[in-house]
PDB file of N, CA and C in Angstrom:
ATOM      1  N   MET A   1      78.077 100.265  65.959  1.00  0.00           N
ATOM      2  CA  MET A   1      76.832  99.210  65.616  1.00  0.00           C
ATOM      3  C   MET A   1      76.456  99.576  63.807  1.00  0.00           C
ATOM      4  N   ALA A   2      76.594  98.398  63.224  1.00  0.00           N
ATOM      5  CA  ALA A   2      76.537  98.564  61.769  1.00  0.00           C
ATOM      6  C   ALA A   2      74.998  98.721  61.193  1.00  0.00           C
ATOM      7  N   ASP A   3      75.274  99.573  59.874  1.00  0.00           N
ATOM      8  CA  ASP A   3      74.151  99.734  59.293  1.00  0.00           C
ATOM      9  C   ASP A   3      73.103  98.806  59.181  1.00  0.00           C
ATOM     10  N   VAL A   4      71.778  99.443  59.195  1.00  0.00           N
ATOM     11  CA  VAL A   4      70.599  98.273  59.215  1.00  0.00           C
ATOM     12  C   VAL A   4      70.422  97.889  57.882  1.00  0.00           C
ATOM     13  N   LEU A   5      70.537  96.939  57.261  1.00  0.00           N
ATOM     14  CA  LEU A   5      70.166  96.735  55.808  1.00  0.00           C
ATOM     15  C   LEU A   5      69.100  96.362  55.544  1.00  0.00           C
ATOM     16  N   VAL A   6      67.904  96.230  56.412  1.00  0.00           N
ATOM     17  CA  VAL A   6      66.803  96.029  56.007  1.00  0.00           C
ATOM     18  C   VAL A   6      65.610  97.159  56.223  1.00  0.00           C
ATOM     19  N   VAL A   7      64.512  97.506  55.810  1.00  0.00           N
ATOM     20  CA  VAL A   7      63.582  98.732  56.185  1.00  0.00           C
ATOM     21  C   VAL A   7      62.510  97.923  57.050  1.00  0.00           C
ATOM     22  N   GLY A   8      62.746  98.557  58.612  1.00  0.00           N
ATOM     23  CA  GLY A   8      62.298  97.924  59.842  1.00  0.00           C
ATOM     24  C   GLY A   8      60.715  97.943  59.602  1.00  0.00           C
ATOM     25  N   SER A   9      60.212  99.432  58.981  1.00  0.00           N
ATOM     26  CA  SER A   9      58.748  99.117  58.881  1.00  0.00           C
ATOM     27  C   SER A   9      58.248  97.934  58.058  1.00  0.00           C
ATOM     28  N   LYS A  10      58.705  97.551  56.648  1.00  0.00           N
ATOM     29  CA  LYS A  10      58.361  96.460  55.825  1.00  0.00           C
ATOM     30  C   LYS A  10      58.668  95.171  56.580  1.00  0.00           C
ATOM     31  N   VAL A  11      59.435  95.061  57.363  1.00  0.00           N
ATOM     32  CA  VAL A  11      59.715  93.999  58.178  1.00  0.00           C
ATOM     33  C   VAL A  11      58.316  93.694  59.027  1.00  0.00           C
ATOM     34  N   LYS A  12      58.086  94.614  59.639  1.00  0.00           N
ATOM     35  CA  LYS A  12      57.193  94.758  60.758  1.00  0.00           C
ATOM     36  C   LYS A  12      55.942  94.705  60.004  1.00  0.00           C
ATOM     37  N   GLU A  13      55.873  95.260  58.886  1.00  0.00           N
ATOM     38  CA  GLU A  13      54.404  94.815  58.544  1.00  0.00           C
ATOM     39  C   GLU A  13      54.530  93.557  57.633  1.00  0.00           C
ATOM     40  N   ALA A  14      55.566  92.671  57.364  1.00  0.00           N
ATOM     41  CA  ALA A  14      55.450  91.322  57.005  1.00  0.00           C
ATOM     42  C   ALA A  14      54.824  90.694  58.142  1.00  0.00           C
ATOM     43  N   VAL A  15      55.941  90.852  59.343  1.00  0.00           N
ATOM     44  CA  VAL A  15      55.420  90.116  60.600  1.00  0.00           C
ATOM     45  C   VAL A  15      54.108  89.874  60.990  1.00  0.00           C
ATOM     46  N   LYS A  16      53.604  91.458  61.234  1.00  0.00           N
ATOM     47  CA  LYS A  16      52.139  91.825  61.090  1.00  0.00           C
ATOM     48  C   LYS A  16      51.094  91.099  60.477  1.00  0.00           C
ATOM     49  N   ALA A  17      51.453  90.629  59.016  1.00  0.00           N
ATOM     50  CA  ALA A  17      50.441  90.169  57.893  1.00  0.00           C
ATOM     51  C   ALA A  17      50.316  88.394  58.206  1.00  0.00           C
ATOM     52  N   GLY A  18      51.764  88.344  58.850  1.00  0.00           N
ATOM     53  CA  GLY A  18      51.704  86.556  59.285  1.00  0.00           C
ATOM     54  C   GLY A  18      50.929  86.707  60.972  1.00  0.00           C
ATOM     55  N   GLY A  19      50.305  87.541  61.443  1.00  0.00           N
ATOM     56  CA  GLY A  19      49.647  87.453  62.522  1.00  0.00           C
ATOM     57  C   GLY A  19      50.552  87.444  64.147  1.00  0.00           C
ATOM     58  N   CYS A  20      51.514  87.983  63.754  1.00  0.00           N
ATOM     59  CA  CYS A  20      52.804  88.359  65.178  1.00  0.00           C
ATOM     60  C   CYS A  20      53.108  89.587  65.116  1.00  0.00           C
ATOM     61  N   ASN A  21      53.503  89.575  66.621  1.00  0.00           N
ATOM     62  CA  ASN A  21      54.421  90.952  66.660  1.00  0.00           C
ATOM     63  C   ASN A  21      56.010  91.050  66.659  1.00  0.00           C
ATOM     64  N   THR A  22      56.439  92.053  66.510  1.00  0.00           N
ATOM     65  CA  THR A  22      58.002  92.132  66.230  1.00  0.00           C
ATOM     66  C   THR A  22      58.389  92.483  67.549  1.00  0.00           C
ATOM     67  N   GLY A  23      59.589  91.747  68.163  1.00  0.00           N
ATOM     68  CA  GLY A  23      60.614  92.067  69.382  1.00  0.00           C
ATOM     69  C   GLY A  23      61.460  93.056  68.424  1.00  0.00           C
ATOM     70  N   GLY A  24      61.500  93.688  69.908  1.00  0.00           N
ATOM     71  CA  GLY A  24      62.760  95.342  69.588  1.00  0.00           C
ATOM     72  C   GLY A  24      64.108  94.581  68.862  1.00  0.00           C
ATOM     73  N   ASP A  25      63.799  93.615  69.096  1.00  0.00           N
ATOM     74  CA  ASP A  25      65.711  93.005  68.591  1.00  0.00           C
ATOM     75  C   ASP A  25      65.869  92.331  67.484  1.00  0.00           C
ATOM     76  N   PHE A  26      64.322  92.221  66.615  1.00  0.00           N
ATOM     77  CA  PHE A  26      64.307  91.585  65.661  1.00  0.00           C
ATOM     78  C   PHE A  26      64.808  91.901  64.214  1.00  0.00           C
ATOM     79  N   VAL A  27      64.476  93.021  64.012  1.00  0.00           N
ATOM     80  CA  VAL A  27      65.485  93.930  63.140  1.00  0.00           C
ATOM     81  C   VAL A  27      66.724  94.101  62.973  1.00  0.00           C
ATOM     82  N   PRO A  28      67.153  94.233  63.998  1.00  0.00           N
ATOM     83  CA  PRO A  28      68.649  94.551  64.155  1.00  0.00           C
ATOM     84  C   PRO A  28      69.420  93.024  63.991  1.00  0.00           C
ATOM     85  N   GLY A  29      68.446  91.861  64.523  1.00  0.00           N
ATOM     86  CA  GLY A  29      69.082  90.405  64.412  1.00  0.00           C
ATOM     87  C   GLY A  29      68.915  90.294  62.798  1.00  0.00           C
ATOM     88  N   LEU A  30      67.673  90.511  62.367  1.00  0.00           N
ATOM     89  CA  LEU A  30      67.595  90.199  60.988  1.00  0.00           C
ATOM     90  C   LEU A  30      68.531  90.915  59.992  1.00  0.00           C
ATOM     91  N   SER A  31      68.744  91.978  60.495  1.00  0.00           N
ATOM     92  CA  SER A  31      69.863  92.944  59.430  1.00  0.00           C
ATOM     93  C   SER A  31      70.964  92.172  59.214  1.00  0.00           C
ATOM     94  N   ALA A  32      71.783  91.458  60.647  1.00  0.00           N
ATOM     95  CA  ALA A  32      72.878  90.856  60.847  1.00  0.00           C
ATOM     96  C   ALA A  32      73.187  89.769  59.971  1.00  0.00           C
ATOM     97  N   GLU A  33      71.888  88.880  59.790  1.00  0.00           N
ATOM     98  CA  GLU A  33      71.772  87.905  59.121  1.00  0.00           C
ATOM     99  C   GLU A  33      71.847  88.036  57.630  1.00  0.00           C
ATOM    100  N   VAL A  34      71.363  89.183  57.325  1.00  0.00           N
ATOM    101  CA  VAL A  34      71.419  89.499  56.032  1.00  0.00           C
ATOM    102  C   VAL A  34      72.777  90.197  55.697  1.00  0.00           C
ATOM    103  N   GLN A  35      73.665  91.039  56.486  1.00  0.00           N
ATOM    104  CA  GLN A  35      74.868  91.053  56.160  1.00  0.00           C
ATOM    105  C   GLN A  35      75.916  89.654  56.297  1.00  0.00           C
ATOM    106  N   ASN A  36      75.596  88.745  56.973  1.00  0.00           N
ATOM    107  CA  ASN A  36      76.292  87.430  56.740  1.00  0.00           C
ATOM    108  C   ASN A  36      76.031  86.960  55.244  1.00  0.00           C
ATOM    109  N   LEU A  37      74.459  86.998  55.035  1.00  0.00           N
ATOM    110  CA  LEU A  37      74.540  86.659  53.490  1.00  0.00           C
ATOM    111  C   LEU A  37      75.106  87.215  52.439  1.00  0.00           C
ATOM    112  N   VAL A  38      75.539  88.390  52.663  1.00  0.00           N
ATOM    113  CA  VAL A  38      75.714  89.393  51.567  1.00  0.00           C
ATOM    114  C   VAL A  38      77.552  89.201  51.478  1.00  0.00           C
ATOM    115  N   THR A  39      78.008  89.045  52.732  1.00  0.00           N
ATOM    116  CA  THR A  39      79.782  88.604  53.186  1.00  0.00           C
ATOM    117  C   THR A  39      79.927  87.373  52.709  1.00  0.00           C
ATOM    118  N   LYS A  40      79.106  86.362  52.646  1.00  0.00           N
ATOM    119  CA  LYS A  40      79.384  85.116  51.922  1.00  0.00           C
ATOM    120  C   LYS A  40      79.239  85.101  50.488  1.00  0.00           C
ATOM    121  N   ALA A  41      78.271  85.819  49.548  1.00  0.00           N
ATOM    122  CA  ALA A  41      77.750  86.124  48.606  1.00  0.00           C
ATOM    123  C   ALA A  41      79.071  86.665  47.817  1.00  0.00           C
ATOM    124  N   ILE A  42      79.798  87.643  48.663  1.00  0.00           N
ATOM    125  CA  ILE A  42      80.589  88.454  47.936  1.00  0.00           C
ATOM    126  C   ILE A  42      81.954  87.502  48.036  1.00  0.00           C
ATOM    127  N   ALA A  43      82.113  86.529  49.094  1.00  0.00           N
ATOM    128  CA  ALA A  43      83.355  85.673  48.965  1.00  0.00           C
ATOM    129  C   ALA A  43      83.196  84.496  47.811  1.00  0.00           C
ATOM    130  N   ARG A  44      81.700  84.133  47.338  1.00  0.00           N
ATOM    131  CA  ARG A  44      81.395  83.095  46.586  1.00  0.00           C
ATOM    132  C   ARG A  44      81.766  83.864  44.966  1.00  0.00           C
ATOM    133  N   CYS A  45      81.368  85.110  45.283  1.00  0.00           N
ATOM    134  CA  CYS A  45      81.551  86.004  43.740  1.00  0.00           C
ATOM    135  C   CYS A  45      82.747  85.782  43.361  1.00  0.00           C
ATOM    136  N   LYS A  46      84.015  86.513  44.152  1.00  0.00           N
ATOM    137  CA  LYS A  46      85.268  86.753  44.349  1.00  0.00           C
ATOM    138  C   LYS A  46      85.779  85.296  43.886  1.00  0.00           C
ATOM    139  N   ALA A  47      85.361  84.357  44.761  1.00  0.00           N
ATOM    140  CA  ALA A  47      86.268  83.283  44.380  1.00  0.00           C
ATOM    141  C   ALA A  47      85.962  82.359  42.749  1.00  0.00           C
ATOM    142  N   ASN A  48      84.474  82.624  42.323  1.00  0.00           N
ATOM    143  CA  ASN A  48      84.444  82.738  40.700  1.00  0.00           C
ATOM    144  C   ASN A  48      85.064  83.716  40.047  1.00  0.00           C
ATOM    145  N   GLY A  49      85.906  84.398  40.504  1.00  0.00           N
ATOM    146  CA  GLY A  49      86.627  85.332  39.536  1.00  0.00           C
ATOM    147  C   GLY A  49      85.662  86.179  39.000  1.00  0.00           C
ATOM    148  N   ARG A  50      84.693  86.829  39.701  1.00  0.00           N
ATOM    149  CA  ARG A  50      83.774  88.095  38.809  1.00  0.00           C
ATOM    150  C   ARG A  50      84.127  88.665  39.732  1.00  0.00           C
ATOM    151  N   LYS A  51      83.288  89.940  39.495  1.00  0.00           N
ATOM    152  CA  LYS A  51      82.993  91.514  40.518  1.00  0.00           C
ATOM    153  C   LYS A  51      81.563  91.668  40.401  1.00  0.00           C
ATOM    154  N   THR A  52      81.022  90.757  40.323  1.00  0.00           N
ATOM    155  CA  THR A  52      79.065  91.020  40.048  1.00  0.00           C
ATOM    156  C   THR A  52      78.611  90.090  40.911  1.00  0.00           C
ATOM    157  N   VAL A  53      77.917  90.183  41.982  1.00  0.00           N
ATOM    158  CA  VAL A  53      77.424  89.293  42.620  1.00  0.00           C
ATOM    159  C   VAL A  53      76.053  89.312  42.462  1.00  0.00           C
ATOM    160  N   ARG A  54      75.542  88.134  42.422  1.00  0.00           N
ATOM    161  CA  ARG A  54      74.338  87.460  41.515  1.00  0.00           C
ATOM    162  C   ARG A  54      73.529  86.809  42.418  1.00  0.00           C
ATOM    163  N   ALA A  55      72.263  86.445  42.137  1.00  0.00           N
ATOM    164  CA  ALA A  55      71.713  85.758  43.229  1.00  0.00           C
ATOM    165  C   ALA A  55      72.155  84.094  43.350  1.00  0.00           C
ATOM    166  N   ALA A  56      72.653  83.743  42.314  1.00  0.00           N
ATOM    167  CA  ALA A  56      73.242  82.415  42.472  1.00  0.00           C
ATOM    168  C   ALA A  56      74.414  82.176  43.515  1.00  0.00           C
ATOM    169  N   ASP A  57      74.606  83.702  43.745  1.00  0.00           N
ATOM    170  CA  ASP A  57      75.879  83.659  45.104  1.00  0.00           C
ATOM    171  C   ASP A  57      75.445  83.222  46.488  1.00  0.00           C
ATOM    172  N   LEU A  58      73.954  83.379  46.342  1.00  0.00           N
ATOM    173  CA  LEU A  58      73.475  83.287  47.691  1.00  0.00           C
ATOM    174  C   LEU A  58      73.466  82.025  48.009  1.00  0.00           C
TER     175      LEU A  58
END
């Protein structure tokens, strides 16, 4: 299992503030999506000849 890249308690808090409950698979699923975004951002950064990942790489 990969490392969780999101703070579960903060995610659950945000979901609750939206008036919903958090399923047990939501936080790991969100973390997997974040990992995909990070991986794509790194690839874009390198493709542009940089070593610093920026918001624009998202």
